[in-house]
Structures are given as C-alpha cells and as structure tokens.
C-alpha atoms as a PDB file:
ATOM      1  CA  UNK A   1     -27.406   5.253 -14.068  1.00  0.00           C
ATOM      2  CA  UNK A   2     -24.513   2.900 -13.154  1.00  0.00           C
ATOM      3  CA  UNK A   3     -21.472   4.209 -12.414  1.00  0.00           C
ATOM      4  CA  UNK A   4     -18.604   3.941 -15.070  1.00  0.00           C
ATOM      5  CA  UNK A   5     -16.452   0.993 -15.227  1.00  0.00           C
ATOM      6  CA  UNK A   6     -13.006   1.641 -13.726  1.00  0.00           C
ATOM      7  CA  UNK A   7      -9.804  -0.378 -15.038  1.00  0.00           C
ATOM      8  CA  UNK A   8      -6.383   0.021 -13.754  1.00  0.00           C
ATOM      9  CA  UNK A   9      -3.504  -1.894 -15.442  1.00  0.00           C
ATOM     10  CA  UNK A  10      -0.718  -2.430 -12.887  1.00  0.00           C
ATOM     11  CA  UNK A  11       2.576  -4.282 -12.286  1.00  0.00           C
ATOM     12  CA  UNK A  12       3.825  -6.274  -9.495  1.00  0.00           C
ATOM     13  CA  UNK A  13       6.021  -4.221  -6.989  1.00  0.00           C
ATOM     14  CA  UNK A  14       4.695  -0.873  -8.477  1.00  0.00           C
ATOM     15  CA  UNK A  15       4.237   1.872  -5.657  1.00  0.00           C
ATOM     16  CA  UNK A  16       2.333   4.076  -7.864  1.00  0.00           C
ATOM     17  CA  UNK A  17      -0.086   1.385  -8.188  1.00  0.00           C
ATOM     18  CA  UNK A  18      -0.543   0.824  -4.898  1.00  0.00           C
ATOM     19  CA  UNK A  19      -1.131   4.672  -4.302  1.00  0.00           C
ATOM     20  CA  UNK A  20      -3.687   4.784  -7.030  1.00  0.00           C
ATOM     21  CA  UNK A  21      -5.577   1.504  -5.739  1.00  0.00           C
ATOM     22  CA  UNK A  22      -5.438   3.038  -2.206  1.00  0.00           C
ATOM     23  CA  UNK A  23      -7.181   6.071  -3.437  1.00  0.00           C
ATOM     24  CA  UNK A  24      -9.787   4.288  -5.146  1.00  0.00           C
ATOM     25  CA  UNK A  25     -10.222   1.911  -2.261  1.00  0.00           C
ATOM     26  CA  UNK A  26     -10.637   4.846   0.066  1.00  0.00           C
ATOM     27  CA  UNK A  27     -13.464   6.126  -2.256  1.00  0.00           C
ATOM     28  CA  UNK A  28     -14.999   2.864  -2.138  1.00  0.00           C
ATOM     29  CA  UNK A  29     -14.589   2.426  -5.840  1.00  0.00           C
ATOM     30  CA  UNK A  30     -15.021  -1.046  -7.556  1.00  0.00           C
ATOM     31  CA  UNK A  31     -12.462  -1.608 -10.090  1.00  0.00           C
ATOM     32  CA  UNK A  32     -10.880  -4.149 -12.320  1.00  0.00           C
ATOM     33  CA  UNK A  33      -7.272  -4.640 -11.819  1.00  0.00           C
ATOM     34  CA  UNK A  34      -4.977  -6.037 -14.870  1.00  0.00           C
ATOM     35  CA  UNK A  35      -1.619  -7.148 -14.115  1.00  0.00           C
ATOM     36  CA  UNK A  36       0.477  -6.779 -16.896  1.00  0.00           C
ATOM     37  CA  UNK A  37       3.877  -7.489 -15.215  1.00  0.00           C
ATOM     38  CA  UNK A  38       4.563 -10.424 -17.650  1.00  0.00           C
ATOM     39  CA  UNK A  39       3.242  -8.660 -20.531  1.00  0.00           C
ATOM     40  CA  UNK A  40       0.634 -10.585 -22.700  1.00  0.00           C
ATOM     41  CA  UNK A  41      -2.525  -9.492 -24.206  1.00  0.00           C
ATOM     42  CA  UNK A  42      -3.652  -7.118 -21.333  1.00  0.00           C
ATOM     43  CA  UNK A  43      -0.596  -5.100 -22.053  1.00  0.00           C
ATOM     44  CA  UNK A  44      -1.155  -4.864 -25.491  1.00  0.00           C
ATOM     45  CA  UNK A  45      -4.865  -3.882 -24.679  1.00  0.00           C
ATOM     46  CA  UNK A  46      -3.537  -1.148 -22.380  1.00  0.00           C
ATOM     47  CA  UNK A  47      -1.220   0.107 -25.252  1.00  0.00           C
ATOM     48  CA  UNK A  48      -4.185   0.069 -27.615  1.00  0.00           C
ATOM     49  CA  UNK A  49      -6.357   2.021 -25.228  1.00  0.00           C
ATOM     50  CA  UNK A  50      -3.366   4.452 -24.187  1.00  0.00           C
ATOM     51  CA  UNK A  51      -1.191   4.699 -27.134  1.00  0.00           C
ATOM     52  CA  UNK A  52       2.433   5.477 -26.034  1.00  0.00           C
ATOM     53  CA  UNK A  53       1.844   4.687 -22.377  1.00  0.00           C
ATOM     54  CA  UNK A  54       4.755   3.202 -21.158  1.00  0.00           C
ATOM     55  CA  UNK A  55       4.464   3.300 -17.431  1.00  0.00           C
ATOM     56  CA  UNK A  56       1.954   1.975 -14.923  1.00  0.00           C
ATOM     57  CA  UNK A  57      -0.650   2.341 -13.424  1.00  0.00           C
ATOM     58  CA  UNK A  58      -2.864   3.320 -16.491  1.00  0.00           C
ATOM     59  CA  UNK A  59      -6.415   4.091 -15.167  1.00  0.00           C
ATOM     60  CA  UNK A  60      -9.399   4.363 -17.316  1.00  0.00           C
ATOM     61  CA  UNK A  61     -12.907   5.690 -15.768  1.00  0.00           C
ATOM     62  CA  UNK A  62     -15.358   4.665 -18.494  1.00  0.00           C
ATOM     63  CA  UNK A  63     -14.104   5.713 -21.816  1.00  0.00           C
ATOM     64  CA  UNK A  64     -11.888   8.391 -20.292  1.00  0.00           C
ATOM     65  CA  UNK A  65      -8.038   7.772 -19.971  1.00  0.00           C
ATOM     66  CA  UNK A  66      -7.290   9.243 -16.691  1.00  0.00           C
ATOM     67  CA  UNK A  67      -3.490   8.610 -16.906  1.00  0.00           C
ATOM     68  CA  UNK A  68      -1.473   7.387 -13.800  1.00  0.00           C
ATOM     69  CA  UNK A  69      -1.554   7.860 -10.046  1.00  0.00           C
ATOM     70  CA  UNK A  70      -0.391  11.387 -10.173  1.00  0.00           C
ATOM     71  CA  UNK A  71      -3.054  12.207 -12.769  1.00  0.00           C
ATOM     72  CA  UNK A  72      -5.685  10.539 -10.546  1.00  0.00           C
ATOM     73  CA  UNK A  73      -4.593  12.547  -7.301  1.00  0.00           C
ATOM     74  CA  UNK A  74      -4.436  15.442  -9.289  1.00  0.00           C
ATOM     75  CA  UNK A  75      -8.339  14.895 -10.130  1.00  0.00           C
ATOM     76  CA  UNK A  76      -9.087  14.365  -6.531  1.00  0.00           C
ATOM     77  CA  UNK A  77      -7.316  17.520  -5.130  1.00  0.00           C
ATOM     78  CA  UNK A  78      -9.156  19.688  -7.970  1.00  0.00           C
ATOM     79  CA  UNK A  79     -12.515  18.122  -6.718  1.00  0.00           C
ATOM     80  CA  UNK A  80     -13.154  16.467 -10.108  1.00  0.00           C
ATOM     81  CA  UNK A  81     -12.682  12.810  -9.326  1.00  0.00           C
ATOM     82  CA  UNK A  82     -16.185  12.201  -7.858  1.00  0.00           C
ATOM     83  CA  UNK A  83     -17.980  13.614 -10.767  1.00  0.00           C
ATOM     84  CA  UNK A  84     -15.979  11.521 -13.160  1.00  0.00           C
ATOM     85  CA  UNK A  85     -16.760   8.440 -11.123  1.00  0.00           C
ATOM     86  CA  UNK A  86     -20.309   9.370 -11.083  1.00  0.00           C
ATOM     87  CA  UNK A  87     -20.436   9.500 -14.743  1.00  0.00           C
END
C-alpha cells in the first residue's frame, strides 16, 4: 500500500512553515508544497479543505487535516505521526 499524499500550504518567510517542512524532511517524507503568499486558487483550495483556517502552514496527510506546525510536532511527540504517514 502506498503512503498517503502529504500536502503543505505555505507562505514566503513563514518560520512555522520552515519548521514543519524540516520535520517532514528529517523523516524522509515526500510532500507537495503550495505557496499561497499571493493568494490565488491554491489559497481557495486550502480554505475549502480546511474551512476557517487562516494561518499557514496547513498540512494534510491523505484525507486527514493535521493542522499547523505545532499540530504536526505534537503528533510526532505523541508517537502518532509515523502511523499517520504510513497510512
């Protein structure tokens, strides 16, 4: 079974985005990054996938909306991130 797709919506100069991507990189996770600095259709897509989300990063693992950088780090601390990434 393939690992679930990981999407991360980011903005230029966002320290929390850098931190989230660093954690994913350290775990060897492939992810698709969408820069929504200038808005556009990917920002609209993010808001559709995560209604009410106004901050970045917004991270999705498969169909699961993880949330932001702190949420991703919490999953790692709790030992639940690897299972989510494995599908």
